[in-house]
Amino acid sequence: MTFSEAAAEVVRLAAARRAYWDAELPKYHRDYPLIRAGERRPPSPPEDGQLRSLLASLPTEVIYKLILTMYLGRGDFDTSALGDEYGAIKTTFPDPKFAAVQMNGKVPLGAYLRDGLDRLEKAGIDLDTTSLEPCGVN
């Protein structure tokens, strides 16, 4: 699966998950958005498991590009810093499973990715064809 295919599917699943929570949480919590101790939670949406499975199945480089795009969309840095930030992400998340867990835990994941993809497109950067791995040349 290419980066762009994976990003589109993650955005789709994250958006469906977000829509589910937006619809269901007010039904279960009378003072929503306040959630009081002891109040029953709605069951998790099927997209939770689908998103976890998808992220677990992706190649390492795609996972790192996705989390890089998520942070780009969140506004943590701009496109001129992609190479440095990619290296920092690999240091922060030496196991891509941790990066996947971090992404899965973000409620606005779909919005962050959409915003990051928009910023990449405006900068003319195609992560399907761009490697951010160090080339080993000093």
N, C-alpha and C. Protein backbone atom coordinates (compact mmCIF):
# COMPACT_ATOMS: atom_id res chain seq x y z
N MET A 1 0.85 -1.18 0.00
CA MET A 1 0.00 0.00 0.00
C MET A 1 0.90 1.23 0.00
N THR A 2 0.62 2.16 -0.91
CA THR A 2 1.40 3.39 -0.98
C THR A 2 1.03 4.32 0.18
N PHE A 3 1.86 5.32 0.36
CA PHE A 3 1.56 6.33 1.39
C PHE A 3 0.21 6.98 1.14
N SER A 4 -0.04 7.42 -0.09
CA SER A 4 -1.30 8.14 -0.37
C SER A 4 -2.51 7.24 -0.19
N GLU A 5 -2.42 5.96 -0.57
CA GLU A 5 -3.51 5.03 -0.34
C GLU A 5 -3.77 4.83 1.16
N ALA A 6 -2.68 4.66 1.91
CA ALA A 6 -2.80 4.48 3.36
C ALA A 6 -3.38 5.74 4.00
N ALA A 7 -2.89 6.90 3.59
CA ALA A 7 -3.38 8.16 4.16
C ALA A 7 -4.87 8.33 3.90
N ALA A 8 -5.32 8.02 2.69
CA ALA A 8 -6.75 8.15 2.36
C ALA A 8 -7.59 7.21 3.23
N GLU A 9 -7.11 5.99 3.44
CA GLU A 9 -7.88 5.04 4.24
C GLU A 9 -7.87 5.43 5.72
N VAL A 10 -6.74 5.91 6.22
CA VAL A 10 -6.68 6.35 7.62
C VAL A 10 -7.61 7.55 7.83
N VAL A 11 -7.60 8.48 6.91
CA VAL A 11 -8.50 9.65 7.00
C VAL A 11 -9.95 9.18 7.01
N ARG A 12 -10.30 8.25 6.13
CA ARG A 12 -11.67 7.75 6.06
C ARG A 12 -12.08 7.09 7.38
N LEU A 13 -11.24 6.21 7.90
CA LEU A 13 -11.58 5.51 9.14
C LEU A 13 -11.62 6.47 10.33
N ALA A 14 -10.68 7.40 10.38
CA ALA A 14 -10.64 8.36 11.49
C ALA A 14 -11.86 9.28 11.45
N ALA A 15 -12.27 9.67 10.26
CA ALA A 15 -13.46 10.53 10.14
C ALA A 15 -14.72 9.77 10.57
N ALA A 16 -14.82 8.52 10.18
CA ALA A 16 -15.99 7.71 10.58
C ALA A 16 -16.00 7.51 12.09
N ARG A 17 -14.83 7.27 12.65
CA ARG A 17 -14.73 7.10 14.11
C ARG A 17 -15.13 8.39 14.82
N ARG A 18 -14.66 9.51 14.34
CA ARG A 18 -14.99 10.80 14.95
C ARG A 18 -16.48 11.08 14.86
N ALA A 19 -17.09 10.79 13.72
CA ALA A 19 -18.54 11.00 13.55
C ALA A 19 -19.32 10.11 14.51
N TYR A 20 -18.87 8.89 14.70
CA TYR A 20 -19.53 7.99 15.63
C TYR A 20 -19.50 8.56 17.04
N TRP A 21 -18.32 8.97 17.51
CA TRP A 21 -18.21 9.51 18.87
C TRP A 21 -19.02 10.79 19.02
N ASP A 22 -19.00 11.64 18.01
CA ASP A 22 -19.78 12.88 18.07
C ASP A 22 -21.27 12.59 18.20
N ALA A 23 -21.73 11.53 17.58
CA ALA A 23 -23.15 11.18 17.64
C ALA A 23 -23.50 10.42 18.92
N GLU A 24 -22.63 9.53 19.36
CA GLU A 24 -22.97 8.62 20.46
C GLU A 24 -22.69 9.18 21.85
N LEU A 25 -21.62 9.92 22.02
CA LEU A 25 -21.29 10.38 23.37
C LEU A 25 -22.40 11.22 24.00
N PRO A 26 -23.04 12.14 23.28
CA PRO A 26 -24.12 12.90 23.90
C PRO A 26 -25.30 12.02 24.35
N LYS A 27 -25.48 10.88 23.72
CA LYS A 27 -26.57 9.96 24.10
C LYS A 27 -26.29 9.29 25.45
N TYR A 28 -25.04 9.13 25.78
CA TYR A 28 -24.65 8.39 26.99
C TYR A 28 -24.29 9.30 28.16
N HIS A 29 -24.02 10.57 27.89
CA HIS A 29 -23.57 11.50 28.93
C HIS A 29 -24.47 12.73 28.92
N ARG A 30 -25.33 12.84 29.92
CA ARG A 30 -26.35 13.89 29.93
C ARG A 30 -25.75 15.28 29.96
N ASP A 31 -24.55 15.45 30.50
CA ASP A 31 -23.90 16.76 30.55
C ASP A 31 -22.76 16.88 29.54
N TYR A 32 -22.82 16.07 28.48
CA TYR A 32 -21.76 16.08 27.47
C TYR A 32 -21.52 17.51 26.98
N PRO A 33 -20.30 17.96 26.89
CA PRO A 33 -19.05 17.22 26.80
C PRO A 33 -18.44 16.80 28.14
N LEU A 34 -19.09 17.12 29.23
CA LEU A 34 -18.60 16.62 30.51
C LEU A 34 -18.97 15.14 30.62
N ILE A 35 -18.01 14.35 31.01
CA ILE A 35 -18.23 12.92 31.22
C ILE A 35 -17.93 12.65 32.68
N ARG A 36 -18.92 12.26 33.38
CA ARG A 36 -18.80 12.07 34.82
C ARG A 36 -18.38 10.64 35.14
N ALA A 37 -17.66 10.51 36.24
CA ALA A 37 -17.23 9.19 36.70
C ALA A 37 -18.45 8.30 36.88
N GLY A 38 -18.31 7.06 36.47
CA GLY A 38 -19.38 6.10 36.64
C GLY A 38 -20.40 6.06 35.52
N GLU A 39 -20.37 7.04 34.63
CA GLU A 39 -21.31 7.01 33.51
C GLU A 39 -20.87 5.94 32.51
N ARG A 40 -21.87 5.28 31.97
CA ARG A 40 -21.62 4.22 31.00
C ARG A 40 -21.11 4.82 29.68
N ARG A 41 -20.15 4.14 29.08
CA ARG A 41 -19.61 4.57 27.78
C ARG A 41 -20.28 3.79 26.67
N PRO A 42 -20.42 4.40 25.52
CA PRO A 42 -20.93 3.63 24.38
C PRO A 42 -19.88 2.62 23.92
N PRO A 43 -20.29 1.59 23.23
CA PRO A 43 -19.30 0.65 22.70
C PRO A 43 -18.43 1.35 21.66
N SER A 44 -17.22 0.87 21.49
CA SER A 44 -16.32 1.45 20.49
C SER A 44 -16.85 1.20 19.09
N PRO A 45 -16.60 2.13 18.20
CA PRO A 45 -17.04 1.93 16.82
C PRO A 45 -16.18 0.87 16.13
N PRO A 46 -16.70 0.22 15.12
CA PRO A 46 -15.91 -0.80 14.41
C PRO A 46 -14.66 -0.21 13.77
N GLU A 47 -14.69 1.08 13.48
CA GLU A 47 -13.53 1.72 12.86
C GLU A 47 -12.31 1.73 13.77
N ASP A 48 -12.52 1.65 15.10
CA ASP A 48 -11.37 1.58 16.02
C ASP A 48 -10.51 0.37 15.69
N GLY A 49 -11.12 -0.78 15.63
CA GLY A 49 -10.39 -2.00 15.33
C GLY A 49 -9.83 -2.00 13.91
N GLN A 50 -10.60 -1.48 12.98
CA GLN A 50 -10.14 -1.42 11.59
C GLN A 50 -8.92 -0.51 11.46
N LEU A 51 -8.94 0.62 12.17
CA LEU A 51 -7.81 1.54 12.12
C LEU A 51 -6.58 0.92 12.76
N ARG A 52 -6.76 0.28 13.91
CA ARG A 52 -5.64 -0.40 14.56
C ARG A 52 -5.03 -1.46 13.64
N SER A 53 -5.89 -2.26 13.02
CA SER A 53 -5.41 -3.32 12.11
C SER A 53 -4.68 -2.74 10.91
N LEU A 54 -5.25 -1.69 10.34
CA LEU A 54 -4.60 -1.06 9.19
C LEU A 54 -3.21 -0.55 9.57
N LEU A 55 -3.14 0.20 10.66
CA LEU A 55 -1.85 0.77 11.07
C LEU A 55 -0.84 -0.34 11.37
N ALA A 56 -1.29 -1.44 11.94
CA ALA A 56 -0.39 -2.55 12.26
C ALA A 56 0.12 -3.26 11.00
N SER A 57 -0.60 -3.12 9.89
CA SER A 57 -0.24 -3.85 8.67
C SER A 57 0.64 -3.04 7.72
N LEU A 58 0.83 -1.77 8.00
CA LEU A 58 1.54 -0.90 7.06
C LEU A 58 3.05 -1.03 7.19
N PRO A 59 3.76 -0.82 6.07
CA PRO A 59 5.23 -0.81 6.13
C PRO A 59 5.74 0.32 7.03
N THR A 60 6.88 0.09 7.61
CA THR A 60 7.49 1.04 8.55
C THR A 60 7.58 2.44 7.97
N GLU A 61 8.08 2.58 6.75
CA GLU A 61 8.24 3.91 6.16
C GLU A 61 6.90 4.63 6.01
N VAL A 62 5.84 3.90 5.69
CA VAL A 62 4.52 4.50 5.55
C VAL A 62 4.01 4.99 6.91
N ILE A 63 4.22 4.20 7.94
CA ILE A 63 3.82 4.62 9.30
C ILE A 63 4.52 5.92 9.66
N TYR A 64 5.83 5.98 9.44
CA TYR A 64 6.57 7.20 9.78
C TYR A 64 6.14 8.39 8.94
N LYS A 65 5.83 8.17 7.68
CA LYS A 65 5.34 9.27 6.85
C LYS A 65 3.96 9.74 7.31
N LEU A 66 3.13 8.81 7.75
CA LEU A 66 1.80 9.19 8.25
C LEU A 66 1.91 10.04 9.51
N ILE A 67 2.73 9.61 10.45
CA ILE A 67 2.82 10.40 11.69
C ILE A 67 3.51 11.74 11.42
N LEU A 68 4.45 11.76 10.49
CA LEU A 68 5.07 13.02 10.08
C LEU A 68 4.00 13.96 9.52
N THR A 69 3.13 13.43 8.68
CA THR A 69 2.05 14.22 8.07
C THR A 69 1.06 14.68 9.13
N MET A 70 0.79 13.82 10.11
CA MET A 70 -0.11 14.20 11.20
C MET A 70 0.45 15.41 11.95
N TYR A 71 1.73 15.34 12.32
CA TYR A 71 2.34 16.46 13.05
C TYR A 71 2.45 17.71 12.17
N LEU A 72 2.70 17.53 10.88
CA LEU A 72 2.72 18.66 9.95
C LEU A 72 1.34 19.33 9.93
N GLY A 73 0.30 18.53 9.84
CA GLY A 73 -1.07 19.05 9.81
C GLY A 73 -1.48 19.69 11.11
N ARG A 74 -0.89 19.23 12.19
CA ARG A 74 -1.19 19.81 13.50
C ARG A 74 -0.49 21.16 13.67
N GLY A 75 0.49 21.43 12.80
CA GLY A 75 1.19 22.71 12.85
C GLY A 75 2.47 22.70 13.66
N ASP A 76 3.01 21.52 13.93
CA ASP A 76 4.22 21.43 14.75
C ASP A 76 5.46 21.95 14.02
N PHE A 77 5.48 21.94 12.69
CA PHE A 77 6.60 22.41 11.89
C PHE A 77 6.08 22.68 10.48
N ASP A 78 6.94 23.20 9.61
CA ASP A 78 6.49 23.44 8.24
C ASP A 78 7.21 22.48 7.29
N THR A 79 6.86 22.54 6.03
CA THR A 79 7.38 21.57 5.06
C THR A 79 8.88 21.68 4.83
N SER A 80 9.49 22.80 5.16
CA SER A 80 10.93 22.94 4.97
C SER A 80 11.72 22.08 5.95
N ALA A 81 11.07 21.58 6.99
CA ALA A 81 11.76 20.80 8.02
C ALA A 81 11.45 19.30 7.94
N LEU A 82 10.86 18.83 6.85
CA LEU A 82 10.41 17.43 6.80
C LEU A 82 11.53 16.43 7.06
N GLY A 83 12.68 16.61 6.44
CA GLY A 83 13.77 15.65 6.62
C GLY A 83 14.23 15.57 8.07
N ASP A 84 14.44 16.71 8.69
CA ASP A 84 14.87 16.73 10.09
C ASP A 84 13.79 16.15 10.99
N GLU A 85 12.55 16.50 10.75
CA GLU A 85 11.45 16.01 11.59
C GLU A 85 11.24 14.51 11.40
N TYR A 86 11.45 14.01 10.19
CA TYR A 86 11.34 12.58 9.95
C TYR A 86 12.36 11.83 10.81
N GLY A 87 13.59 12.33 10.83
CA GLY A 87 14.62 11.72 11.68
C GLY A 87 14.27 11.79 13.15
N ALA A 88 13.73 12.92 13.58
CA ALA A 88 13.33 13.07 14.98
C ALA A 88 12.20 12.11 15.34
N ILE A 89 11.26 11.92 14.43
CA ILE A 89 10.16 10.99 14.68
C ILE A 89 10.67 9.57 14.83
N LYS A 90 11.62 9.20 13.98
CA LYS A 90 12.18 7.85 14.08
C LYS A 90 12.95 7.65 15.39
N THR A 91 13.52 8.72 15.91
CA THR A 91 14.20 8.64 17.21
C THR A 91 13.18 8.57 18.33
N THR A 92 12.13 9.37 18.24
CA THR A 92 11.08 9.38 19.26
C THR A 92 10.32 8.06 19.30
N PHE A 93 10.08 7.50 18.13
CA PHE A 93 9.33 6.24 18.00
C PHE A 93 10.22 5.20 17.32
N PRO A 94 11.20 4.64 18.05
CA PRO A 94 12.11 3.68 17.40
C PRO A 94 11.39 2.42 16.90
N ASP A 95 10.25 2.13 17.46
CA ASP A 95 9.43 1.03 16.99
C ASP A 95 8.18 1.65 16.36
N PRO A 96 7.93 1.38 15.08
CA PRO A 96 6.77 2.01 14.43
C PRO A 96 5.44 1.67 15.10
N LYS A 97 5.39 0.60 15.88
CA LYS A 97 4.16 0.27 16.61
C LYS A 97 3.78 1.40 17.57
N PHE A 98 4.80 2.04 18.17
CA PHE A 98 4.53 3.15 19.09
C PHE A 98 3.97 4.35 18.33
N ALA A 99 4.48 4.58 17.12
CA ALA A 99 3.95 5.67 16.29
C ALA A 99 2.50 5.39 15.92
N ALA A 100 2.19 4.13 15.63
CA ALA A 100 0.82 3.76 15.28
C ALA A 100 -0.11 3.98 16.47
N VAL A 101 0.33 3.62 17.66
CA VAL A 101 -0.49 3.82 18.87
C VAL A 101 -0.71 5.32 19.10
N GLN A 102 0.32 6.10 18.91
CA GLN A 102 0.21 7.56 19.08
C GLN A 102 -0.83 8.13 18.12
N MET A 103 -0.77 7.72 16.86
CA MET A 103 -1.75 8.23 15.88
C MET A 103 -3.16 7.77 16.23
N ASN A 104 -3.30 6.50 16.56
CA ASN A 104 -4.62 5.96 16.86
C ASN A 104 -5.27 6.66 18.05
N GLY A 105 -4.46 7.20 18.95
CA GLY A 105 -4.98 7.87 20.14
C GLY A 105 -5.43 9.31 19.90
N LYS A 106 -5.19 9.81 18.72
CA LYS A 106 -5.56 11.21 18.42
C LYS A 106 -6.99 11.26 17.88
N VAL A 107 -7.88 11.88 18.61
CA VAL A 107 -9.27 12.00 18.17
C VAL A 107 -9.35 12.77 16.85
N PRO A 108 -8.63 13.89 16.69
CA PRO A 108 -8.73 14.61 15.41
C PRO A 108 -7.74 14.11 14.34
N LEU A 109 -7.37 12.82 14.40
CA LEU A 109 -6.38 12.27 13.47
C LEU A 109 -6.73 12.57 12.01
N GLY A 110 -7.97 12.35 11.62
CA GLY A 110 -8.36 12.61 10.24
C GLY A 110 -8.14 14.05 9.82
N ALA A 111 -8.51 14.98 10.70
CA ALA A 111 -8.33 16.40 10.39
C ALA A 111 -6.85 16.76 10.30
N TYR A 112 -6.05 16.25 11.23
CA TYR A 112 -4.61 16.51 11.18
C TYR A 112 -4.01 15.99 9.88
N LEU A 113 -4.38 14.78 9.49
CA LEU A 113 -3.83 14.22 8.25
C LEU A 113 -4.30 15.01 7.03
N ARG A 114 -5.57 15.36 6.98
CA ARG A 114 -6.07 16.16 5.85
C ARG A 114 -5.29 17.47 5.74
N ASP A 115 -5.10 18.14 6.88
CA ASP A 115 -4.37 19.41 6.87
C ASP A 115 -2.92 19.19 6.44
N GLY A 116 -2.31 18.13 6.93
CA GLY A 116 -0.93 17.83 6.53
C GLY A 116 -0.82 17.51 5.06
N LEU A 117 -1.76 16.74 4.53
CA LEU A 117 -1.76 16.42 3.10
C LEU A 117 -1.95 17.68 2.27
N ASP A 118 -2.80 18.58 2.72
CA ASP A 118 -2.98 19.86 2.01
C ASP A 118 -1.68 20.65 1.98
N ARG A 119 -0.99 20.69 3.11
CA ARG A 119 0.28 21.44 3.17
C ARG A 119 1.33 20.81 2.26
N LEU A 120 1.37 19.47 2.22
CA LEU A 120 2.31 18.78 1.32
C LEU A 120 1.99 19.10 -0.13
N GLU A 121 0.72 19.06 -0.49
CA GLU A 121 0.31 19.34 -1.87
C GLU A 121 0.67 20.78 -2.26
N LYS A 122 0.40 21.74 -1.37
CA LYS A 122 0.72 23.14 -1.67
C LYS A 122 2.23 23.34 -1.85
N ALA A 123 3.04 22.53 -1.15
CA ALA A 123 4.49 22.64 -1.26
C ALA A 123 5.04 21.80 -2.42
N GLY A 124 4.15 21.06 -3.11
CA GLY A 124 4.59 20.24 -4.23
C GLY A 124 5.37 19.00 -3.81
N ILE A 125 5.08 18.48 -2.63
CA ILE A 125 5.80 17.32 -2.10
C ILE A 125 4.90 16.09 -2.20
N ASP A 126 5.40 15.07 -2.87
CA ASP A 126 4.68 13.81 -3.04
C ASP A 126 5.42 12.74 -2.23
N LEU A 127 4.85 12.36 -1.10
CA LEU A 127 5.53 11.38 -0.25
C LEU A 127 5.46 9.96 -0.80
N ASP A 128 4.70 9.73 -1.87
CA ASP A 128 4.74 8.44 -2.53
C ASP A 128 6.07 8.25 -3.27
N THR A 129 6.62 9.34 -3.76
CA THR A 129 7.85 9.26 -4.56
C THR A 129 9.07 9.84 -3.85
N THR A 130 8.88 10.39 -2.68
CA THR A 130 9.97 11.02 -1.95
C THR A 130 10.39 10.15 -0.78
N SER A 131 11.68 9.84 -0.75
CA SER A 131 12.21 9.12 0.41
C SER A 131 12.78 10.13 1.38
N LEU A 132 12.48 9.94 2.64
CA LEU A 132 13.02 10.83 3.67
C LEU A 132 14.12 10.13 4.46
N GLU A 133 14.45 8.92 4.04
CA GLU A 133 15.53 8.17 4.69
C GLU A 133 16.87 8.82 4.33
N PRO A 134 17.80 8.89 5.29
CA PRO A 134 19.12 9.45 4.98
C PRO A 134 19.80 8.65 3.86
N CYS A 135 20.47 9.35 2.98
CA CYS A 135 21.10 8.66 1.84
C CYS A 135 22.50 8.15 2.17
N GLY A 136 23.05 8.55 3.31
CA GLY A 136 24.37 8.05 3.72
C GLY A 136 25.53 8.83 3.13
N VAL A 137 25.25 9.91 2.41
CA VAL A 137 26.30 10.74 1.83
C VAL A 137 26.60 11.88 2.79
N ASN A 138 27.87 12.06 3.10
CA ASN A 138 28.25 13.14 4.02
C ASN A 138 28.83 14.29 3.26
